[in-house]
Each structure stands twice: as structure tokens, then as C-alpha cells.
């Protein structure tokens, strides 16, 4: 740990992620909080998709989705997930692996309410991950939602958040001649202390 300095300095990996996100927010053209979320299905087949990281708590990473989607079903079934955030402009990335819990209370209500009206209505209209006959069918469902729910729809019971509580977080930064810097934070349980190891690039 003695050679951790500069962008890698600090004793709190969540604060470090926040610092890197802040740096990316002024450099990335779109969605500096976009992360590739990886799960496995009931057959052990891997799956990945991009979602938006919406909060870095003191102990967890929070994102939101439809609870009936493929990703949510896989998250619920395994209770585990991984993600990577890559900032091409900064030449840095963060990887994490950990345990999954739901965020289905007031915090999810508040985030849902903060979204644009069209996004809130769209959450009701989309049966995410399930077959769709046509674009026209989806647009009609949206029109039905607008008629039925009005301009202040409540959060759908099938939509909310997940927390990834990490057991591993890795910070990577590009280096000359591909001699990258990598530091892996690991702990044996969510209430255990972190250990930090420098990894070969």
C-alpha cells in the first residue's frame, strides 16, 4: 500500500470512486456513470448490459431497473453481480464484485420521482426484456399509461433499485508501455476490513 498516491490515495474506496466519477463528469461526453453490469442466469450463462450507476453510498453502489426484467431476475436468483465502469477520456476504470440487495423503499420512490415525466411513464409502459409485437404496440401502451396515470404516476410496484455491496473493488489507470497501475481492494465479508494489493498490469 505504500506506493498508493495521487489518484489512488485514500483509505475509503467509495470516496475514491466518487472522486473518479467527479473527474469523469467533466471529461466524458455522455453518461460518465454508465457501467457494464454482469450477472448469470439459472443455467450459469453470463449476461452483461449497460446500466447507470445512480448513487455511491458509504458501502454500496445503487442502480435502478424493472424488477421483472432479465437482469433483475438474475440478480435475485444469484444474489451476486459484477460491474465495470470504463472512462475512455481518463484512461481509467473501476471494477467491482459483490452481493445484491433490493432498494425498494423511500429512496427508490424519491429517485423515481426525480426522473423525467416521460421516463416515469415509460417505466409503466415497458414490460422490460419480454417479447414486443411492434413499436406501435409499445407506443399505444405509453398512450394508455398517460391516459390512466396522468402527469404524476406513482412508482410501479415492479420497478425499483438494487444495491451492490462489494467484496472486491479494483482501480485501474492506463500506464506508458502498457505498464498500467492496478490496485485491488478485497474483504472476506461486508463487515470485514479491506486489504489492498497492487496487481500486475
N, C-alpha and C. Protein backbone atom coordinates (compact mmCIF):
# COMPACT_ATOMS: atom_id res chain seq x y z
N UNK A 1 0.82 -1.21 0.00
CA UNK A 1 0.00 0.00 0.00
C UNK A 1 0.86 1.27 0.00
N UNK A 2 2.14 1.14 0.29
CA UNK A 2 2.97 2.32 0.48
C UNK A 2 3.12 3.16 -0.78
N UNK A 3 2.96 2.54 -1.96
CA UNK A 3 3.15 3.32 -3.19
C UNK A 3 1.83 3.82 -3.77
N UNK A 4 0.74 3.72 -2.98
CA UNK A 4 -0.53 4.28 -3.45
C UNK A 4 -0.52 5.78 -3.19
N UNK A 5 -0.53 6.55 -4.25
CA UNK A 5 -0.52 8.01 -4.12
C UNK A 5 -1.29 8.59 -5.29
N UNK A 6 -1.35 9.90 -5.34
CA UNK A 6 -2.04 10.57 -6.45
C UNK A 6 -3.50 10.14 -6.54
N UNK A 7 -3.92 9.70 -7.71
CA UNK A 7 -5.32 9.36 -7.92
C UNK A 7 -5.74 8.10 -7.17
N UNK A 8 -4.79 7.34 -6.64
CA UNK A 8 -5.10 6.11 -5.91
C UNK A 8 -5.08 6.30 -4.39
N UNK A 9 -4.76 7.49 -3.91
CA UNK A 9 -4.59 7.72 -2.48
C UNK A 9 -5.92 7.70 -1.74
N UNK A 10 -5.88 7.29 -0.49
CA UNK A 10 -7.06 7.31 0.36
C UNK A 10 -7.32 5.99 1.03
N UNK A 11 -8.13 6.03 2.08
CA UNK A 11 -8.45 4.84 2.85
C UNK A 11 -9.90 4.38 2.68
N UNK A 12 -10.64 5.05 1.80
CA UNK A 12 -12.05 4.72 1.58
C UNK A 12 -12.28 4.50 0.09
N UNK A 13 -12.52 3.25 -0.34
CA UNK A 13 -12.69 3.01 -1.77
C UNK A 13 -13.93 3.67 -2.37
N UNK A 14 -14.96 3.88 -1.56
CA UNK A 14 -16.18 4.51 -2.06
C UNK A 14 -15.93 6.00 -2.32
N UNK A 15 -15.17 6.63 -1.44
CA UNK A 15 -14.78 8.03 -1.68
C UNK A 15 -13.92 8.13 -2.93
N UNK A 16 -13.07 7.14 -3.14
CA UNK A 16 -12.22 7.14 -4.32
C UNK A 16 -13.05 7.01 -5.60
N UNK A 17 -14.06 6.14 -5.58
CA UNK A 17 -14.96 6.02 -6.74
C UNK A 17 -15.66 7.35 -7.00
N UNK A 18 -16.13 8.00 -5.93
CA UNK A 18 -16.79 9.31 -6.10
C UNK A 18 -15.83 10.32 -6.73
N UNK A 19 -14.59 10.33 -6.29
CA UNK A 19 -13.60 11.25 -6.86
C UNK A 19 -13.39 10.99 -8.34
N UNK A 20 -13.30 9.72 -8.73
CA UNK A 20 -13.09 9.38 -10.13
C UNK A 20 -14.33 9.72 -10.95
N UNK A 21 -15.51 9.52 -10.39
CA UNK A 21 -16.74 9.91 -11.09
C UNK A 21 -16.79 11.42 -11.29
N UNK A 22 -16.41 12.17 -10.27
CA UNK A 22 -16.39 13.62 -10.40
C UNK A 22 -15.43 14.06 -11.50
N UNK A 23 -14.26 13.43 -11.56
CA UNK A 23 -13.30 13.76 -12.61
C UNK A 23 -13.85 13.42 -13.99
N UNK A 24 -14.57 12.30 -14.08
CA UNK A 24 -15.12 11.87 -15.37
C UNK A 24 -16.27 12.76 -15.82
N UNK A 25 -16.99 13.34 -14.87
CA UNK A 25 -18.19 14.12 -15.21
C UNK A 25 -17.88 15.31 -16.11
N UNK A 26 -16.66 15.83 -16.04
CA UNK A 26 -16.29 16.97 -16.88
C UNK A 26 -15.55 16.55 -18.14
N UNK A 27 -15.26 15.25 -18.28
CA UNK A 27 -14.48 14.77 -19.41
C UNK A 27 -15.28 13.89 -20.37
N UNK A 28 -16.17 13.07 -19.83
CA UNK A 28 -16.93 12.14 -20.67
C UNK A 28 -18.07 12.89 -21.36
N UNK A 29 -18.25 12.61 -22.65
CA UNK A 29 -19.29 13.30 -23.41
C UNK A 29 -20.68 12.91 -22.93
N UNK A 30 -20.88 11.63 -22.66
CA UNK A 30 -22.20 11.15 -22.26
C UNK A 30 -22.08 10.13 -21.13
N UNK A 31 -22.97 10.23 -20.17
CA UNK A 31 -23.15 9.22 -19.13
C UNK A 31 -21.85 8.75 -18.47
N UNK A 32 -21.16 9.61 -17.74
CA UNK A 32 -19.95 9.16 -17.04
C UNK A 32 -20.24 8.10 -15.98
N UNK A 33 -21.53 7.92 -15.62
CA UNK A 33 -21.91 6.92 -14.63
C UNK A 33 -22.40 5.62 -15.27
N UNK A 34 -22.17 5.45 -16.57
CA UNK A 34 -22.57 4.21 -17.25
C UNK A 34 -21.65 3.07 -16.84
N UNK A 35 -22.25 1.94 -16.48
CA UNK A 35 -21.45 0.78 -16.09
C UNK A 35 -21.99 -0.47 -16.75
N UNK A 36 -21.10 -1.38 -17.09
CA UNK A 36 -21.48 -2.67 -17.66
C UNK A 36 -21.71 -3.63 -16.49
N UNK A 37 -22.97 -4.01 -16.32
CA UNK A 37 -23.37 -4.88 -15.21
C UNK A 37 -23.42 -6.32 -15.69
N UNK A 38 -22.75 -7.22 -14.97
CA UNK A 38 -22.69 -8.63 -15.34
C UNK A 38 -23.42 -9.48 -14.31
N UNK A 39 -24.20 -10.43 -14.82
CA UNK A 39 -24.95 -11.37 -13.99
C UNK A 39 -24.84 -12.75 -14.62
N UNK A 40 -25.40 -13.76 -13.95
CA UNK A 40 -25.52 -15.09 -14.55
C UNK A 40 -26.96 -15.55 -14.39
N UNK A 41 -27.43 -16.35 -15.35
CA UNK A 41 -28.79 -16.87 -15.26
C UNK A 41 -28.80 -18.20 -14.51
N UNK A 42 -29.96 -18.83 -14.45
CA UNK A 42 -30.11 -20.06 -13.67
C UNK A 42 -29.30 -21.22 -14.22
N UNK A 43 -28.88 -21.13 -15.48
CA UNK A 43 -28.04 -22.17 -16.09
C UNK A 43 -26.55 -21.85 -15.97
N UNK A 44 -26.24 -20.72 -15.33
CA UNK A 44 -24.85 -20.31 -15.19
C UNK A 44 -24.32 -19.56 -16.40
N UNK A 45 -25.22 -19.21 -17.36
CA UNK A 45 -24.80 -18.45 -18.53
C UNK A 45 -24.62 -16.98 -18.16
N UNK A 46 -23.50 -16.38 -18.54
CA UNK A 46 -23.27 -14.98 -18.20
C UNK A 46 -24.08 -14.04 -19.07
N UNK A 47 -24.30 -12.85 -18.54
CA UNK A 47 -25.07 -11.82 -19.23
C UNK A 47 -24.46 -10.47 -18.86
N UNK A 48 -24.51 -9.52 -19.77
CA UNK A 48 -23.99 -8.18 -19.48
C UNK A 48 -24.81 -7.15 -20.22
N UNK A 49 -24.94 -5.97 -19.60
CA UNK A 49 -25.65 -4.85 -20.22
C UNK A 49 -25.21 -3.57 -19.51
N UNK A 50 -25.43 -2.44 -20.15
CA UNK A 50 -25.04 -1.16 -19.56
C UNK A 50 -26.23 -0.58 -18.79
N UNK A 51 -25.97 -0.20 -17.55
CA UNK A 51 -26.95 0.49 -16.73
C UNK A 51 -26.27 1.73 -16.15
N UNK A 52 -27.05 2.59 -15.51
CA UNK A 52 -26.49 3.81 -14.93
C UNK A 52 -26.36 3.68 -13.42
N UNK A 53 -25.15 3.93 -12.94
CA UNK A 53 -24.90 3.98 -11.50
C UNK A 53 -25.51 5.28 -10.98
N UNK A 54 -26.44 5.16 -10.05
CA UNK A 54 -27.16 6.35 -9.59
C UNK A 54 -26.73 6.87 -8.23
N UNK A 55 -26.04 6.05 -7.45
CA UNK A 55 -25.57 6.54 -6.16
C UNK A 55 -24.40 5.70 -5.69
N UNK A 56 -23.44 6.35 -5.08
CA UNK A 56 -22.35 5.66 -4.39
C UNK A 56 -22.54 5.95 -2.91
N UNK A 57 -23.10 4.99 -2.20
CA UNK A 57 -23.32 5.15 -0.77
C UNK A 57 -22.03 4.83 -0.02
N UNK A 58 -22.06 4.99 1.29
CA UNK A 58 -20.92 4.59 2.11
C UNK A 58 -21.01 3.09 2.36
N UNK A 59 -20.73 2.33 1.30
CA UNK A 59 -20.79 0.88 1.45
C UNK A 59 -21.46 0.15 0.31
N UNK A 60 -22.01 0.86 -0.67
CA UNK A 60 -22.73 0.18 -1.74
C UNK A 60 -22.86 1.07 -2.96
N UNK A 61 -23.12 0.41 -4.09
CA UNK A 61 -23.38 1.07 -5.37
C UNK A 61 -24.84 0.80 -5.73
N UNK A 62 -25.59 1.84 -6.09
CA UNK A 62 -27.03 1.73 -6.29
C UNK A 62 -27.41 2.03 -7.74
N UNK A 63 -28.28 1.17 -8.30
CA UNK A 63 -28.82 1.38 -9.64
C UNK A 63 -30.28 0.92 -9.63
N UNK A 64 -31.00 1.27 -10.70
CA UNK A 64 -32.44 1.03 -10.73
C UNK A 64 -32.84 0.31 -12.01
N UNK A 65 -33.96 -0.46 -11.92
CA UNK A 65 -34.41 -1.22 -13.08
C UNK A 65 -35.82 -1.76 -12.83
N UNK A 66 -36.34 -2.43 -13.83
CA UNK A 66 -37.61 -3.16 -13.73
C UNK A 66 -37.34 -4.48 -13.02
N UNK A 67 -38.07 -4.76 -11.94
CA UNK A 67 -37.84 -5.99 -11.19
C UNK A 67 -38.22 -7.25 -11.97
N UNK A 68 -38.99 -7.09 -13.04
CA UNK A 68 -39.39 -8.24 -13.85
C UNK A 68 -38.48 -8.44 -15.06
N UNK A 69 -37.45 -7.62 -15.19
CA UNK A 69 -36.51 -7.74 -16.31
C UNK A 69 -35.61 -8.95 -16.11
N UNK A 70 -34.92 -9.33 -17.20
CA UNK A 70 -33.99 -10.45 -17.11
C UNK A 70 -32.89 -10.17 -16.10
N UNK A 71 -32.36 -8.95 -16.10
CA UNK A 71 -31.27 -8.63 -15.19
C UNK A 71 -31.72 -8.76 -13.74
N UNK A 72 -32.93 -8.26 -13.43
CA UNK A 72 -33.42 -8.32 -12.06
C UNK A 72 -33.65 -9.76 -11.62
N UNK A 73 -34.20 -10.57 -12.50
CA UNK A 73 -34.42 -11.97 -12.15
C UNK A 73 -33.10 -12.67 -11.88
N UNK A 74 -32.08 -12.36 -12.68
CA UNK A 74 -30.76 -12.96 -12.47
C UNK A 74 -30.13 -12.46 -11.18
N UNK A 75 -30.30 -11.18 -10.88
CA UNK A 75 -29.78 -10.62 -9.63
C UNK A 75 -30.44 -11.27 -8.42
N UNK A 76 -31.75 -11.45 -8.48
CA UNK A 76 -32.49 -12.05 -7.37
C UNK A 76 -32.11 -13.51 -7.19
N UNK A 77 -31.92 -14.21 -8.30
CA UNK A 77 -31.64 -15.65 -8.25
C UNK A 77 -30.26 -15.93 -7.67
N UNK A 78 -29.26 -15.17 -8.09
CA UNK A 78 -27.90 -15.46 -7.64
C UNK A 78 -27.49 -14.67 -6.40
N UNK A 79 -28.05 -13.47 -6.27
CA UNK A 79 -27.66 -12.62 -5.15
C UNK A 79 -26.29 -12.00 -5.30
N UNK A 80 -25.72 -12.11 -6.50
CA UNK A 80 -24.36 -11.59 -6.75
C UNK A 80 -24.32 -10.92 -8.12
N UNK A 81 -23.35 -10.02 -8.29
CA UNK A 81 -23.16 -9.35 -9.58
C UNK A 81 -21.79 -8.71 -9.62
N UNK A 82 -21.42 -8.25 -10.81
CA UNK A 82 -20.17 -7.53 -11.01
C UNK A 82 -20.43 -6.39 -11.98
N UNK A 83 -19.57 -5.37 -11.93
CA UNK A 83 -19.67 -4.31 -12.93
C UNK A 83 -18.30 -3.76 -13.24
N UNK A 84 -18.22 -3.09 -14.38
CA UNK A 84 -17.03 -2.33 -14.73
C UNK A 84 -17.48 -0.98 -15.28
N UNK A 85 -16.82 0.08 -14.86
CA UNK A 85 -17.01 1.42 -15.43
C UNK A 85 -15.70 1.78 -16.10
N UNK A 86 -15.76 2.10 -17.38
CA UNK A 86 -14.55 2.49 -18.12
C UNK A 86 -14.71 3.91 -18.61
N UNK A 87 -13.75 4.76 -18.24
CA UNK A 87 -13.75 6.14 -18.70
C UNK A 87 -12.63 6.29 -19.73
N UNK A 88 -13.01 6.25 -20.99
CA UNK A 88 -12.01 6.30 -22.06
C UNK A 88 -11.23 7.60 -22.03
N UNK A 89 -11.91 8.71 -21.73
CA UNK A 89 -11.24 10.01 -21.74
C UNK A 89 -10.18 10.10 -20.64
N UNK A 90 -10.43 9.46 -19.48
CA UNK A 90 -9.49 9.49 -18.37
C UNK A 90 -8.49 8.35 -18.42
N UNK A 91 -8.78 7.36 -19.24
CA UNK A 91 -7.99 6.13 -19.29
C UNK A 91 -7.94 5.47 -17.91
N UNK A 92 -9.12 5.35 -17.33
CA UNK A 92 -9.25 4.69 -16.03
C UNK A 92 -10.47 3.78 -16.05
N UNK A 93 -10.47 2.82 -15.13
CA UNK A 93 -11.67 2.01 -14.95
C UNK A 93 -11.76 1.53 -13.51
N UNK A 94 -12.99 1.21 -13.10
CA UNK A 94 -13.28 0.63 -11.80
C UNK A 94 -14.07 -0.65 -12.04
N UNK A 95 -13.65 -1.71 -11.37
CA UNK A 95 -14.38 -2.97 -11.40
C UNK A 95 -14.81 -3.32 -9.99
N UNK A 96 -15.97 -3.97 -9.86
CA UNK A 96 -16.43 -4.40 -8.53
C UNK A 96 -17.21 -5.70 -8.64
N UNK A 97 -17.11 -6.50 -7.59
CA UNK A 97 -17.90 -7.72 -7.47
C UNK A 97 -18.45 -7.79 -6.06
N UNK A 98 -19.72 -8.23 -5.95
CA UNK A 98 -20.27 -8.29 -4.61
C UNK A 98 -21.66 -8.86 -4.53
N UNK A 99 -22.31 -8.55 -3.41
CA UNK A 99 -23.61 -9.11 -3.06
C UNK A 99 -24.71 -8.10 -3.37
N UNK A 100 -25.88 -8.62 -3.70
CA UNK A 100 -27.00 -7.80 -4.15
C UNK A 100 -28.14 -7.79 -3.13
N UNK A 101 -28.65 -6.59 -2.85
CA UNK A 101 -29.88 -6.43 -2.07
C UNK A 101 -30.78 -5.44 -2.80
N UNK A 102 -32.06 -5.47 -2.48
CA UNK A 102 -33.01 -4.54 -3.09
C UNK A 102 -33.04 -3.19 -2.37
N UNK A 103 -33.30 -2.15 -3.15
CA UNK A 103 -33.67 -0.83 -2.62
C UNK A 103 -35.09 -0.58 -3.09
N UNK A 104 -36.06 -0.87 -2.21
CA UNK A 104 -37.47 -0.83 -2.62
C UNK A 104 -38.31 0.05 -1.70
N UNK A 105 -37.66 1.04 -1.12
CA UNK A 105 -38.37 1.89 -0.16
C UNK A 105 -38.38 3.35 -0.56
N UNK A 106 -38.34 4.24 0.42
CA UNK A 106 -38.44 5.68 0.16
C UNK A 106 -37.36 6.21 -0.78
N UNK A 107 -36.17 5.65 -0.71
CA UNK A 107 -35.10 6.12 -1.60
C UNK A 107 -35.44 5.83 -3.05
N UNK A 108 -36.01 4.65 -3.31
CA UNK A 108 -36.45 4.32 -4.67
C UNK A 108 -37.59 5.23 -5.11
N UNK A 109 -38.50 5.52 -4.19
CA UNK A 109 -39.61 6.45 -4.51
C UNK A 109 -39.06 7.82 -4.89
N UNK A 110 -38.09 8.29 -4.12
CA UNK A 110 -37.54 9.63 -4.37
C UNK A 110 -36.80 9.67 -5.71
N UNK A 111 -36.03 8.63 -6.00
CA UNK A 111 -35.32 8.63 -7.28
C UNK A 111 -36.30 8.56 -8.44
N UNK A 112 -37.31 7.70 -8.33
CA UNK A 112 -38.31 7.60 -9.40
C UNK A 112 -38.97 8.95 -9.65
N UNK A 113 -39.31 9.65 -8.58
CA UNK A 113 -39.98 10.94 -8.71
C UNK A 113 -39.07 11.98 -9.34
N UNK A 114 -37.73 11.82 -9.20
CA UNK A 114 -36.79 12.79 -9.77
C UNK A 114 -36.61 12.62 -11.28
N UNK A 115 -37.07 11.50 -11.82
CA UNK A 115 -36.89 11.24 -13.26
C UNK A 115 -37.86 12.10 -14.08
N UNK A 116 -37.56 12.23 -15.35
CA UNK A 116 -38.46 13.00 -16.22
C UNK A 116 -39.82 12.30 -16.29
N UNK A 117 -40.85 13.07 -16.59
CA UNK A 117 -42.20 12.51 -16.69
C UNK A 117 -42.24 11.38 -17.70
N UNK A 118 -41.62 11.57 -18.87
CA UNK A 118 -41.65 10.53 -19.91
C UNK A 118 -40.96 9.24 -19.42
N UNK A 119 -39.88 9.39 -18.66
CA UNK A 119 -39.20 8.21 -18.12
C UNK A 119 -40.08 7.48 -17.11
N UNK A 120 -40.80 8.24 -16.28
CA UNK A 120 -41.70 7.62 -15.31
C UNK A 120 -42.84 6.89 -16.01
N UNK A 121 -43.38 7.53 -17.04
CA UNK A 121 -44.45 6.88 -17.79
C UNK A 121 -43.93 5.65 -18.54
N UNK A 122 -42.73 5.77 -19.08
CA UNK A 122 -42.13 4.65 -19.80
C UNK A 122 -41.90 3.45 -18.93
N UNK A 123 -41.58 3.67 -17.65
CA UNK A 123 -41.39 2.55 -16.73
C UNK A 123 -42.66 1.72 -16.59
N UNK A 124 -43.81 2.40 -16.63
CA UNK A 124 -45.09 1.69 -16.57
C UNK A 124 -45.38 0.98 -17.89
N UNK A 125 -44.99 1.57 -19.00
CA UNK A 125 -45.38 1.04 -20.31
C UNK A 125 -44.56 -0.17 -20.74
N UNK A 126 -43.31 -0.26 -20.32
CA UNK A 126 -42.43 -1.30 -20.82
C UNK A 126 -42.42 -2.55 -19.95
N UNK A 127 -42.73 -3.68 -20.57
CA UNK A 127 -42.57 -4.99 -19.92
C UNK A 127 -41.15 -5.45 -20.24
N UNK A 128 -40.19 -4.86 -19.59
CA UNK A 128 -38.78 -4.97 -19.96
C UNK A 128 -38.31 -6.41 -20.12
N UNK A 129 -37.58 -6.64 -21.21
CA UNK A 129 -36.95 -7.92 -21.54
C UNK A 129 -37.91 -8.94 -22.15
N UNK A 130 -39.21 -8.63 -22.16
CA UNK A 130 -40.17 -9.60 -22.72
C UNK A 130 -40.49 -9.25 -24.17
N UNK A 131 -40.93 -10.25 -24.95
CA UNK A 131 -41.19 -10.03 -26.38
C UNK A 131 -42.19 -8.89 -26.61
N UNK A 132 -41.95 -8.14 -27.69
CA UNK A 132 -42.79 -7.00 -28.07
C UNK A 132 -43.20 -7.16 -29.52
N UNK A 133 -44.49 -7.10 -29.80
CA UNK A 133 -45.00 -7.34 -31.15
C UNK A 133 -44.53 -6.28 -32.13
N UNK A 134 -44.52 -5.02 -31.71
CA UNK A 134 -44.12 -3.93 -32.62
C UNK A 134 -43.90 -2.66 -31.83
N UNK A 135 -43.26 -1.70 -32.48
CA UNK A 135 -43.06 -0.38 -31.87
C UNK A 135 -44.41 0.28 -31.61
N UNK A 136 -45.33 0.06 -32.50
CA UNK A 136 -46.67 0.66 -32.38
C UNK A 136 -47.37 0.18 -31.11
N UNK A 137 -47.19 -1.09 -30.78
CA UNK A 137 -47.80 -1.63 -29.56
C UNK A 137 -47.24 -0.91 -28.34
N UNK A 138 -45.91 -0.71 -28.32
CA UNK A 138 -45.28 -0.01 -27.19
C UNK A 138 -45.79 1.42 -27.08
N UNK A 139 -45.89 2.10 -28.21
CA UNK A 139 -46.37 3.48 -28.18
C UNK A 139 -47.81 3.56 -27.71
N UNK A 140 -48.62 2.57 -28.09
CA UNK A 140 -50.01 2.55 -27.62
C UNK A 140 -50.07 2.31 -26.12
N UNK A 141 -49.20 1.44 -25.62
CA UNK A 141 -49.15 1.20 -24.17
C UNK A 141 -48.76 2.48 -23.44
N UNK A 142 -47.81 3.24 -24.01
CA UNK A 142 -47.42 4.51 -23.39
C UNK A 142 -48.60 5.48 -23.38
N UNK A 143 -49.33 5.56 -24.48
CA UNK A 143 -50.51 6.43 -24.53
C UNK A 143 -51.55 6.02 -23.50
N UNK A 144 -51.72 4.70 -23.31
CA UNK A 144 -52.67 4.21 -22.31
C UNK A 144 -52.23 4.62 -20.91
N UNK A 145 -50.92 4.52 -20.65
CA UNK A 145 -50.39 4.91 -19.34
C UNK A 145 -50.62 6.40 -19.10
N UNK A 146 -50.38 7.22 -20.12
CA UNK A 146 -50.58 8.66 -19.99
C UNK A 146 -52.04 8.96 -19.65
N UNK A 147 -52.96 8.25 -20.30
CA UNK A 147 -54.39 8.46 -20.04
C UNK A 147 -54.78 7.99 -18.64
N UNK A 148 -54.23 6.85 -18.22
CA UNK A 148 -54.64 6.24 -16.96
C UNK A 148 -53.92 6.85 -15.75
N UNK A 149 -52.64 7.17 -15.89
CA UNK A 149 -51.84 7.57 -14.73
C UNK A 149 -51.66 9.08 -14.61
N UNK A 150 -51.93 9.81 -15.69
CA UNK A 150 -51.79 11.25 -15.64
C UNK A 150 -50.34 11.71 -15.62
N UNK A 151 -50.12 12.91 -15.10
CA UNK A 151 -48.79 13.52 -15.18
C UNK A 151 -47.99 13.38 -13.89
N UNK A 152 -48.44 12.51 -12.97
CA UNK A 152 -47.66 12.26 -11.74
C UNK A 152 -47.83 10.80 -11.32
N UNK A 153 -47.37 9.88 -12.17
CA UNK A 153 -47.56 8.46 -11.84
C UNK A 153 -46.70 8.04 -10.65
N UNK A 154 -47.26 7.21 -9.78
CA UNK A 154 -46.51 6.66 -8.66
C UNK A 154 -45.51 5.63 -9.18
N UNK A 155 -44.51 5.33 -8.38
CA UNK A 155 -43.54 4.31 -8.77
C UNK A 155 -44.23 2.96 -8.93
N UNK A 156 -44.01 2.29 -10.06
CA UNK A 156 -44.63 0.97 -10.25
C UNK A 156 -44.12 -0.03 -9.21
N UNK A 157 -44.97 -0.95 -8.79
CA UNK A 157 -44.53 -1.95 -7.81
C UNK A 157 -43.46 -2.89 -8.36
N UNK A 158 -43.33 -2.92 -9.69
CA UNK A 158 -42.35 -3.79 -10.33
C UNK A 158 -41.07 -3.04 -10.74
N UNK A 159 -40.86 -1.88 -10.19
CA UNK A 159 -39.70 -1.05 -10.56
C UNK A 159 -39.04 -0.51 -9.31
N UNK A 160 -37.72 -0.61 -9.23
CA UNK A 160 -37.02 -0.08 -8.07
C UNK A 160 -35.52 -0.27 -8.19
N UNK A 161 -34.86 -0.28 -7.04
CA UNK A 161 -33.40 -0.28 -7.06
C UNK A 161 -32.76 -1.55 -6.55
N UNK A 162 -31.47 -1.64 -6.82
CA UNK A 162 -30.62 -2.69 -6.26
C UNK A 162 -29.35 -2.03 -5.72
N UNK A 163 -28.83 -2.64 -4.67
CA UNK A 163 -27.53 -2.25 -4.14
C UNK A 163 -26.53 -3.38 -4.39
N UNK A 164 -25.38 -3.03 -4.92
CA UNK A 164 -24.27 -3.97 -4.96
C UNK A 164 -23.31 -3.60 -3.83
N UNK A 165 -23.21 -4.51 -2.88
CA UNK A 165 -22.30 -4.31 -1.74
C UNK A 165 -21.03 -5.09 -2.06
N UNK A 166 -19.94 -4.40 -2.35
CA UNK A 166 -18.77 -5.08 -2.91
C UNK A 166 -17.93 -5.83 -1.89
N UNK A 167 -17.38 -6.95 -2.34
CA UNK A 167 -16.33 -7.66 -1.63
C UNK A 167 -14.99 -7.41 -2.30
N UNK A 168 -15.03 -6.95 -3.55
CA UNK A 168 -13.82 -6.59 -4.28
C UNK A 168 -14.09 -5.33 -5.09
N UNK A 169 -13.12 -4.42 -5.10
CA UNK A 169 -13.14 -3.24 -5.97
C UNK A 169 -11.73 -3.09 -6.53
N UNK A 170 -11.65 -2.91 -7.82
CA UNK A 170 -10.34 -2.71 -8.44
C UNK A 170 -10.29 -1.38 -9.16
N UNK A 171 -9.22 -0.65 -8.94
CA UNK A 171 -8.98 0.64 -9.60
C UNK A 171 -7.83 0.45 -10.58
N UNK A 172 -8.05 0.85 -11.81
CA UNK A 172 -7.08 0.67 -12.90
C UNK A 172 -6.86 2.01 -13.61
N UNK A 173 -5.59 2.31 -13.89
CA UNK A 173 -5.28 3.51 -14.68
C UNK A 173 -4.22 3.15 -15.71
N UNK A 174 -4.40 3.67 -16.91
CA UNK A 174 -3.51 3.39 -18.02
C UNK A 174 -2.09 3.89 -17.73
N UNK A 175 -1.10 3.11 -18.17
CA UNK A 175 0.29 3.50 -17.98
C UNK A 175 1.07 3.40 -19.26
N UNK A 176 2.19 4.07 -19.33
CA UNK A 176 3.06 4.02 -20.51
C UNK A 176 3.54 2.59 -20.74
N UNK A 177 3.69 2.23 -22.02
CA UNK A 177 4.19 0.91 -22.42
C UNK A 177 3.33 -0.21 -21.83
N UNK A 178 2.05 0.08 -21.62
CA UNK A 178 1.11 -0.87 -21.05
C UNK A 178 1.48 -1.30 -19.62
N UNK A 179 2.27 -0.50 -18.95
CA UNK A 179 2.59 -0.74 -17.55
C UNK A 179 1.55 -0.02 -16.68
N UNK A 180 0.33 -0.56 -16.71
CA UNK A 180 -0.80 0.07 -16.03
C UNK A 180 -0.66 -0.07 -14.51
N UNK A 181 -1.36 0.80 -13.81
CA UNK A 181 -1.45 0.71 -12.34
C UNK A 181 -2.78 0.07 -11.97
N UNK A 182 -2.72 -0.95 -11.13
CA UNK A 182 -3.92 -1.65 -10.68
C UNK A 182 -3.82 -1.88 -9.17
N UNK A 183 -4.87 -1.49 -8.47
CA UNK A 183 -4.94 -1.74 -7.04
C UNK A 183 -6.27 -2.43 -6.73
N UNK A 184 -6.19 -3.58 -6.11
CA UNK A 184 -7.39 -4.35 -5.77
C UNK A 184 -7.66 -4.26 -4.27
N UNK A 185 -8.87 -3.79 -3.95
CA UNK A 185 -9.35 -3.77 -2.57
C UNK A 185 -10.20 -5.02 -2.38
N UNK A 186 -9.91 -5.80 -1.32
CA UNK A 186 -10.66 -7.03 -1.06
C UNK A 186 -11.00 -7.13 0.42
N UNK A 187 -12.14 -7.77 0.69
CA UNK A 187 -12.51 -8.09 2.06
C UNK A 187 -13.26 -9.42 2.06
N UNK A 188 -13.18 -10.17 3.14
CA UNK A 188 -13.77 -11.51 3.20
C UNK A 188 -15.26 -11.48 3.45
N UNK A 189 -15.77 -10.39 4.01
CA UNK A 189 -17.19 -10.23 4.31
C UNK A 189 -17.50 -8.73 4.33
N UNK A 190 -18.78 -8.40 4.26
CA UNK A 190 -19.13 -6.98 4.14
C UNK A 190 -18.80 -6.18 5.39
N UNK A 191 -18.59 -6.87 6.53
CA UNK A 191 -18.22 -6.15 7.75
C UNK A 191 -16.74 -6.32 8.09
N UNK A 192 -15.96 -6.88 7.16
CA UNK A 192 -14.53 -7.09 7.38
C UNK A 192 -13.74 -5.88 6.89
N UNK A 193 -12.49 -5.80 7.34
CA UNK A 193 -11.62 -4.73 6.89
C UNK A 193 -11.13 -5.00 5.46
N UNK A 194 -10.81 -3.93 4.76
CA UNK A 194 -10.27 -4.05 3.42
C UNK A 194 -8.78 -4.33 3.47
N UNK A 195 -8.31 -5.13 2.52
CA UNK A 195 -6.88 -5.23 2.25
C UNK A 195 -6.66 -4.74 0.83
N UNK A 196 -5.53 -4.10 0.58
CA UNK A 196 -5.26 -3.52 -0.73
C UNK A 196 -3.97 -4.13 -1.28
N UNK A 197 -4.05 -4.59 -2.53
CA UNK A 197 -2.91 -5.23 -3.19
C UNK A 197 -2.67 -4.59 -4.54
N UNK A 198 -1.43 -4.28 -4.83
CA UNK A 198 -1.07 -3.85 -6.18
C UNK A 198 -1.00 -5.10 -7.06
N UNK A 199 -1.61 -5.04 -8.25
CA UNK A 199 -1.61 -6.14 -9.19
C UNK A 199 -0.74 -5.82 -10.40
N UNK A 200 -0.20 -6.87 -11.01
CA UNK A 200 0.47 -6.69 -12.28
C UNK A 200 -0.53 -6.19 -13.32
N UNK A 201 -0.04 -5.41 -14.30
CA UNK A 201 -0.97 -4.89 -15.31
C UNK A 201 -1.49 -5.98 -16.24
